[in-house]
N, C-alpha and C. Protein backbone atom coordinates (compact mmCIF):
# COMPACT_ATOMS: atom_id res chain seq x y z
N UNK A 1 -3.89 38.99 32.19
CA UNK A 1 -3.23 39.25 33.45
C UNK A 1 -3.21 37.98 34.27
N UNK A 2 -2.12 37.75 34.93
CA UNK A 2 -1.98 36.60 35.80
C UNK A 2 -2.32 37.01 37.21
N UNK A 3 -3.25 36.35 37.83
CA UNK A 3 -3.65 36.73 39.17
C UNK A 3 -2.58 36.30 40.17
N UNK A 4 -2.57 35.05 40.56
CA UNK A 4 -1.56 34.58 41.49
C UNK A 4 -1.29 33.12 41.20
N UNK A 5 -0.03 32.75 41.37
CA UNK A 5 0.30 31.35 41.16
C UNK A 5 1.67 31.05 41.72
N UNK A 6 1.94 29.81 41.86
CA UNK A 6 3.26 29.31 42.20
C UNK A 6 3.76 28.55 40.98
N UNK A 7 5.00 28.75 40.65
CA UNK A 7 5.57 28.07 39.48
C UNK A 7 5.47 26.56 39.64
N UNK A 8 5.55 26.08 40.85
CA UNK A 8 5.51 24.64 41.08
C UNK A 8 4.07 24.10 41.14
N UNK A 9 3.08 24.98 41.21
CA UNK A 9 1.70 24.50 41.31
C UNK A 9 1.28 23.85 40.00
N UNK A 10 0.24 23.06 40.08
CA UNK A 10 -0.28 22.40 38.89
C UNK A 10 -1.43 23.19 38.30
N UNK A 11 -1.84 24.26 38.98
CA UNK A 11 -2.94 25.11 38.51
C UNK A 11 -2.50 26.56 38.63
N UNK A 12 -3.09 27.39 37.79
CA UNK A 12 -2.83 28.82 37.85
C UNK A 12 -4.11 29.55 37.45
N UNK A 13 -4.31 30.71 38.03
CA UNK A 13 -5.47 31.52 37.69
C UNK A 13 -5.03 32.59 36.70
N UNK A 14 -5.65 32.56 35.51
CA UNK A 14 -5.39 33.56 34.48
C UNK A 14 -6.58 34.51 34.41
N UNK A 15 -6.37 35.63 33.75
CA UNK A 15 -7.46 36.54 33.46
C UNK A 15 -7.50 36.73 31.95
N UNK A 16 -8.63 36.40 31.34
CA UNK A 16 -8.83 36.56 29.91
C UNK A 16 -9.79 37.73 29.73
N UNK A 17 -9.24 38.89 29.39
CA UNK A 17 -10.06 40.11 29.25
C UNK A 17 -10.95 40.32 30.47
N UNK A 18 -10.37 40.13 31.65
CA UNK A 18 -11.10 40.35 32.89
C UNK A 18 -11.91 39.17 33.39
N UNK A 19 -11.98 38.10 32.63
CA UNK A 19 -12.71 36.91 33.07
C UNK A 19 -11.72 35.91 33.67
N UNK A 20 -12.00 35.43 34.88
CA UNK A 20 -11.08 34.47 35.50
C UNK A 20 -11.11 33.13 34.77
N UNK A 21 -9.93 32.53 34.66
CA UNK A 21 -9.81 31.21 34.06
C UNK A 21 -8.81 30.41 34.88
N UNK A 22 -9.31 29.36 35.53
CA UNK A 22 -8.50 28.47 36.36
C UNK A 22 -7.99 27.36 35.47
N UNK A 23 -6.66 27.36 35.20
CA UNK A 23 -6.12 26.37 34.28
C UNK A 23 -5.19 25.39 34.98
N UNK A 24 -5.31 24.15 34.58
CA UNK A 24 -4.39 23.10 34.97
C UNK A 24 -3.20 23.20 34.03
N UNK A 25 -2.00 23.05 34.55
CA UNK A 25 -0.80 23.18 33.73
C UNK A 25 -0.35 21.81 33.23
N UNK A 26 -0.12 21.72 31.94
CA UNK A 26 0.44 20.51 31.31
C UNK A 26 1.82 20.90 30.79
N UNK A 27 2.84 20.59 31.57
CA UNK A 27 4.20 21.01 31.25
C UNK A 27 5.05 19.86 30.71
N UNK A 28 4.81 18.64 31.20
CA UNK A 28 5.62 17.51 30.75
C UNK A 28 5.03 16.91 29.47
N UNK A 29 5.84 16.15 28.78
CA UNK A 29 5.36 15.51 27.55
C UNK A 29 4.15 14.62 27.84
N UNK A 30 4.23 13.86 28.90
CA UNK A 30 3.12 12.96 29.26
C UNK A 30 1.85 13.75 29.57
N UNK A 31 1.97 14.84 30.33
CA UNK A 31 0.81 15.67 30.65
C UNK A 31 0.21 16.28 29.38
N UNK A 32 1.08 16.75 28.48
CA UNK A 32 0.59 17.36 27.24
C UNK A 32 -0.09 16.33 26.35
N UNK A 33 0.43 15.11 26.30
CA UNK A 33 -0.18 14.07 25.46
C UNK A 33 -1.55 13.67 25.98
N UNK A 34 -1.73 13.61 27.28
CA UNK A 34 -3.03 13.23 27.86
C UNK A 34 -4.03 14.38 27.78
N UNK A 35 -3.58 15.58 28.06
CA UNK A 35 -4.45 16.76 27.98
C UNK A 35 -5.76 16.56 28.73
N UNK A 36 -6.85 16.86 28.07
CA UNK A 36 -8.18 16.73 28.68
C UNK A 36 -8.90 15.45 28.25
N UNK A 37 -8.17 14.49 27.70
CA UNK A 37 -8.79 13.22 27.30
C UNK A 37 -9.42 12.54 28.52
N UNK A 38 -10.51 11.84 28.26
CA UNK A 38 -11.22 11.02 29.23
C UNK A 38 -11.95 11.82 30.32
N UNK A 39 -11.95 13.14 30.23
CA UNK A 39 -12.69 13.95 31.19
C UNK A 39 -14.16 13.95 30.79
N UNK A 40 -15.03 13.95 31.78
CA UNK A 40 -16.46 13.97 31.50
C UNK A 40 -17.04 15.36 31.62
N UNK A 41 -16.34 16.25 32.32
CA UNK A 41 -16.83 17.61 32.47
C UNK A 41 -15.68 18.57 32.70
N UNK A 42 -15.95 19.83 32.44
CA UNK A 42 -14.98 20.89 32.63
C UNK A 42 -15.78 22.13 33.00
N UNK A 43 -15.47 22.72 34.16
CA UNK A 43 -16.19 23.92 34.58
C UNK A 43 -16.03 25.04 33.56
N UNK A 44 -17.01 25.94 33.49
CA UNK A 44 -16.99 27.00 32.47
C UNK A 44 -15.73 27.85 32.57
N UNK A 45 -15.26 28.14 33.77
CA UNK A 45 -14.07 28.97 33.95
C UNK A 45 -12.83 28.12 34.22
N UNK A 46 -12.78 26.92 33.63
CA UNK A 46 -11.63 26.03 33.79
C UNK A 46 -11.07 25.68 32.42
N UNK A 47 -9.81 25.27 32.43
CA UNK A 47 -9.17 24.87 31.18
C UNK A 47 -7.83 24.23 31.46
N UNK A 48 -7.03 24.11 30.40
CA UNK A 48 -5.70 23.55 30.51
C UNK A 48 -4.73 24.41 29.71
N UNK A 49 -3.60 24.72 30.34
CA UNK A 49 -2.52 25.47 29.71
C UNK A 49 -1.40 24.50 29.38
N UNK A 50 -1.10 24.36 28.10
CA UNK A 50 -0.03 23.49 27.63
C UNK A 50 1.22 24.34 27.42
N UNK A 51 2.32 23.94 28.06
CA UNK A 51 3.57 24.67 27.97
C UNK A 51 4.59 23.78 27.28
N UNK A 52 5.17 24.29 26.20
CA UNK A 52 6.18 23.55 25.44
C UNK A 52 7.55 24.17 25.71
N UNK A 53 8.62 23.36 25.63
CA UNK A 53 9.96 23.86 25.97
C UNK A 53 10.46 24.96 25.04
N UNK A 54 9.97 24.97 23.81
CA UNK A 54 10.39 26.00 22.86
C UNK A 54 9.28 26.21 21.83
N UNK A 55 9.36 27.29 21.09
CA UNK A 55 8.36 27.55 20.07
C UNK A 55 8.46 26.52 18.96
N UNK A 56 7.30 26.08 18.48
CA UNK A 56 7.22 25.11 17.41
C UNK A 56 5.82 25.17 16.82
N UNK A 57 5.63 24.59 15.66
CA UNK A 57 4.27 24.47 15.13
C UNK A 57 3.56 23.44 15.99
N UNK A 58 2.40 23.79 16.51
CA UNK A 58 1.65 22.90 17.40
C UNK A 58 0.49 22.27 16.67
N UNK A 59 0.18 21.04 17.06
CA UNK A 59 -0.92 20.29 16.45
C UNK A 59 -1.65 19.54 17.56
N UNK A 60 -2.97 19.72 17.62
CA UNK A 60 -3.81 19.07 18.63
C UNK A 60 -4.95 18.35 17.94
N UNK A 61 -5.45 17.30 18.60
CA UNK A 61 -6.64 16.62 18.13
C UNK A 61 -7.51 16.31 19.33
N UNK A 62 -8.68 15.74 19.11
CA UNK A 62 -9.65 15.52 20.18
C UNK A 62 -9.87 14.04 20.48
N UNK A 63 -8.90 13.21 20.14
CA UNK A 63 -9.00 11.78 20.41
C UNK A 63 -9.36 11.56 21.89
N UNK A 64 -10.38 10.76 22.11
CA UNK A 64 -10.82 10.41 23.47
C UNK A 64 -11.21 11.62 24.31
N UNK A 65 -11.64 12.69 23.67
CA UNK A 65 -12.08 13.89 24.38
C UNK A 65 -13.54 14.15 24.03
N UNK A 66 -14.41 14.08 25.04
CA UNK A 66 -15.85 14.18 24.80
C UNK A 66 -16.39 15.60 24.95
N UNK A 67 -15.61 16.50 25.51
CA UNK A 67 -16.07 17.86 25.79
C UNK A 67 -15.77 18.76 24.58
N UNK A 68 -16.75 19.48 24.06
CA UNK A 68 -16.48 20.43 22.97
C UNK A 68 -15.55 21.53 23.49
N UNK A 69 -14.44 21.73 22.82
CA UNK A 69 -13.41 22.67 23.29
C UNK A 69 -13.09 23.73 22.25
N UNK A 70 -12.53 24.83 22.75
CA UNK A 70 -11.86 25.82 21.91
C UNK A 70 -10.40 25.82 22.34
N UNK A 71 -9.51 26.10 21.39
CA UNK A 71 -8.09 26.15 21.69
C UNK A 71 -7.52 27.46 21.17
N UNK A 72 -6.64 28.06 21.97
CA UNK A 72 -5.90 29.25 21.56
C UNK A 72 -4.42 28.88 21.55
N UNK A 73 -3.75 29.17 20.43
CA UNK A 73 -2.31 28.99 20.33
C UNK A 73 -1.65 30.35 20.59
N UNK A 74 -0.60 30.36 21.44
CA UNK A 74 0.06 31.60 21.81
C UNK A 74 1.56 31.50 21.56
N UNK A 75 2.16 32.60 21.14
CA UNK A 75 3.60 32.61 20.94
C UNK A 75 4.31 32.78 22.28
N UNK A 76 5.65 32.89 22.26
CA UNK A 76 6.40 32.95 23.50
C UNK A 76 6.13 34.22 24.31
N UNK A 77 5.54 35.23 23.69
CA UNK A 77 5.19 36.48 24.38
C UNK A 77 3.77 36.46 24.93
N UNK A 78 3.01 35.39 24.68
CA UNK A 78 1.64 35.30 25.14
C UNK A 78 0.64 35.94 24.19
N UNK A 79 1.08 36.22 22.97
CA UNK A 79 0.18 36.79 21.97
C UNK A 79 -0.59 35.65 21.29
N UNK A 80 -1.91 35.82 21.18
CA UNK A 80 -2.76 34.81 20.56
C UNK A 80 -2.51 34.79 19.06
N UNK A 81 -2.09 33.63 18.55
CA UNK A 81 -1.81 33.44 17.13
C UNK A 81 -3.06 32.93 16.41
N UNK A 82 -3.73 31.94 17.00
CA UNK A 82 -4.91 31.32 16.39
C UNK A 82 -5.88 30.90 17.49
N UNK A 83 -7.17 30.89 17.16
CA UNK A 83 -8.20 30.32 18.02
C UNK A 83 -9.07 29.44 17.14
N UNK A 84 -9.31 28.20 17.60
CA UNK A 84 -10.13 27.26 16.86
C UNK A 84 -11.14 26.60 17.78
N UNK A 85 -12.30 26.24 17.24
CA UNK A 85 -13.25 25.36 17.92
C UNK A 85 -12.96 23.94 17.46
N UNK A 86 -13.06 22.98 18.38
CA UNK A 86 -12.74 21.59 18.06
C UNK A 86 -13.94 20.70 18.38
N UNK A 87 -14.08 19.65 17.60
CA UNK A 87 -15.18 18.70 17.73
C UNK A 87 -14.79 17.51 18.61
N UNK A 88 -15.68 17.10 19.54
CA UNK A 88 -15.39 15.93 20.36
C UNK A 88 -15.04 14.71 19.51
N UNK A 89 -14.07 13.97 19.97
CA UNK A 89 -13.60 12.70 19.39
C UNK A 89 -13.01 12.82 17.98
N UNK A 90 -12.83 14.02 17.47
CA UNK A 90 -12.28 14.18 16.12
C UNK A 90 -10.80 13.84 16.11
N UNK A 91 -10.39 13.08 15.10
CA UNK A 91 -8.97 12.78 14.92
C UNK A 91 -8.32 13.74 13.92
N UNK A 92 -9.10 14.72 13.44
CA UNK A 92 -8.54 15.72 12.53
C UNK A 92 -7.70 16.71 13.33
N UNK A 93 -6.44 16.90 12.96
CA UNK A 93 -5.59 17.81 13.72
C UNK A 93 -5.96 19.28 13.48
N UNK A 94 -5.77 20.06 14.53
CA UNK A 94 -5.89 21.51 14.48
C UNK A 94 -4.48 22.04 14.69
N UNK A 95 -3.99 22.85 13.74
CA UNK A 95 -2.57 23.26 13.76
C UNK A 95 -2.43 24.77 13.88
N UNK A 96 -1.38 25.17 14.58
CA UNK A 96 -1.06 26.59 14.65
C UNK A 96 -0.49 27.03 13.30
N UNK A 97 -0.76 28.28 12.95
CA UNK A 97 -0.27 28.80 11.66
C UNK A 97 1.14 29.37 11.77
N UNK A 98 1.60 29.56 13.01
CA UNK A 98 2.98 30.02 13.27
C UNK A 98 3.52 29.22 14.44
N UNK A 99 4.80 29.33 14.67
CA UNK A 99 5.40 28.66 15.82
C UNK A 99 4.86 29.28 17.10
N UNK A 100 4.51 28.40 18.05
CA UNK A 100 3.93 28.82 19.32
C UNK A 100 4.61 28.07 20.46
N UNK A 101 4.51 28.62 21.65
CA UNK A 101 5.05 27.94 22.83
C UNK A 101 3.96 27.47 23.77
N UNK A 102 2.75 28.04 23.64
CA UNK A 102 1.66 27.74 24.56
C UNK A 102 0.37 27.44 23.81
N UNK A 103 -0.49 26.66 24.46
CA UNK A 103 -1.85 26.45 23.98
C UNK A 103 -2.75 26.42 25.21
N UNK A 104 -3.94 26.96 25.06
CA UNK A 104 -4.93 26.93 26.14
C UNK A 104 -6.20 26.31 25.59
N UNK A 105 -6.67 25.25 26.26
CA UNK A 105 -7.94 24.63 25.90
C UNK A 105 -8.98 25.00 26.95
N UNK A 106 -10.18 25.37 26.47
CA UNK A 106 -11.30 25.76 27.33
C UNK A 106 -12.58 25.20 26.73
N UNK A 107 -13.67 25.32 27.47
CA UNK A 107 -14.97 24.96 26.92
C UNK A 107 -15.23 25.79 25.67
N UNK A 108 -15.81 25.16 24.66
CA UNK A 108 -16.11 25.87 23.42
C UNK A 108 -16.99 27.08 23.73
N UNK A 109 -16.57 28.23 23.23
CA UNK A 109 -17.31 29.46 23.43
C UNK A 109 -16.76 30.38 24.50
N UNK A 110 -15.89 29.86 25.39
CA UNK A 110 -15.35 30.70 26.46
C UNK A 110 -14.57 31.89 25.89
N UNK A 111 -13.68 31.62 24.93
CA UNK A 111 -12.89 32.72 24.36
C UNK A 111 -13.80 33.74 23.66
N UNK A 112 -14.77 33.25 22.94
CA UNK A 112 -15.72 34.14 22.24
C UNK A 112 -16.46 35.02 23.26
N UNK A 113 -16.96 34.40 24.34
CA UNK A 113 -17.66 35.16 25.37
C UNK A 113 -16.75 36.18 26.05
N UNK A 114 -15.47 35.85 26.17
CA UNK A 114 -14.51 36.77 26.80
C UNK A 114 -14.00 37.83 25.81
N UNK A 115 -14.37 37.70 24.53
CA UNK A 115 -13.94 38.68 23.54
C UNK A 115 -12.49 38.52 23.11
N UNK A 116 -11.91 37.34 23.34
CA UNK A 116 -10.51 37.10 22.96
C UNK A 116 -10.41 36.86 21.46
N UNK A 117 -9.47 37.54 20.81
CA UNK A 117 -9.27 37.38 19.38
C UNK A 117 -7.78 37.29 19.07
N UNK A 118 -7.47 36.87 17.84
CA UNK A 118 -6.08 36.81 17.38
C UNK A 118 -5.42 38.18 17.60
N UNK A 119 -4.19 38.15 18.09
CA UNK A 119 -3.45 39.38 18.33
C UNK A 119 -3.55 39.89 19.76
N UNK A 120 -4.55 39.41 20.53
CA UNK A 120 -4.64 39.78 21.94
C UNK A 120 -3.51 39.12 22.72
N UNK A 121 -3.19 39.67 23.88
CA UNK A 121 -2.13 39.10 24.73
C UNK A 121 -2.71 38.56 26.02
N UNK A 122 -2.10 37.50 26.51
CA UNK A 122 -2.41 36.93 27.82
C UNK A 122 -1.11 36.92 28.60
N UNK A 123 -1.12 37.46 29.80
CA UNK A 123 0.08 37.53 30.62
C UNK A 123 0.39 36.14 31.19
N UNK A 124 1.46 35.55 30.70
CA UNK A 124 1.91 34.23 31.15
C UNK A 124 3.29 34.31 31.80
N UNK A 125 3.70 35.50 32.23
CA UNK A 125 5.06 35.69 32.72
C UNK A 125 5.39 34.80 33.92
N UNK A 126 4.47 34.53 34.78
CA UNK A 126 4.76 33.70 35.96
C UNK A 126 4.98 32.24 35.60
N UNK A 127 4.33 31.74 34.56
CA UNK A 127 4.50 30.34 34.21
C UNK A 127 5.68 30.13 33.25
N UNK A 128 6.19 31.20 32.66
CA UNK A 128 7.30 31.06 31.71
C UNK A 128 8.66 30.99 32.37
N UNK A 129 8.74 31.32 33.65
CA UNK A 129 10.04 31.38 34.32
C UNK A 129 10.73 30.04 34.43
N UNK A 130 10.00 28.99 34.48
CA UNK A 130 10.61 27.67 34.69
C UNK A 130 11.03 27.04 33.40
């Protein structure tokens, strides 16, 4: 469920199975390429929502990222396709198994603690309008 947001804002509050998640939006190519690189910390209920212009196979790595993260790949309907844990500084890519339009990165373990699994839905209707 989406709590409240402005399409033009750079942050949005999501609800993952009732747990609040404050995400920074990475909508442009430059924002998506930088992601969470060079960050030294990330609050437990914080993350980044990557928005792509269309569905495609997505691939992420942890170059220059020191925080252990989990990533969820979502299709255009907000359905979780894959969830992976990623290792800091790893150059090994993590790829979606199907075409996706969104990815959410959070602290490793957040999705597990929230009980999020493949096939669950996250309401992203407010951020998809643009």
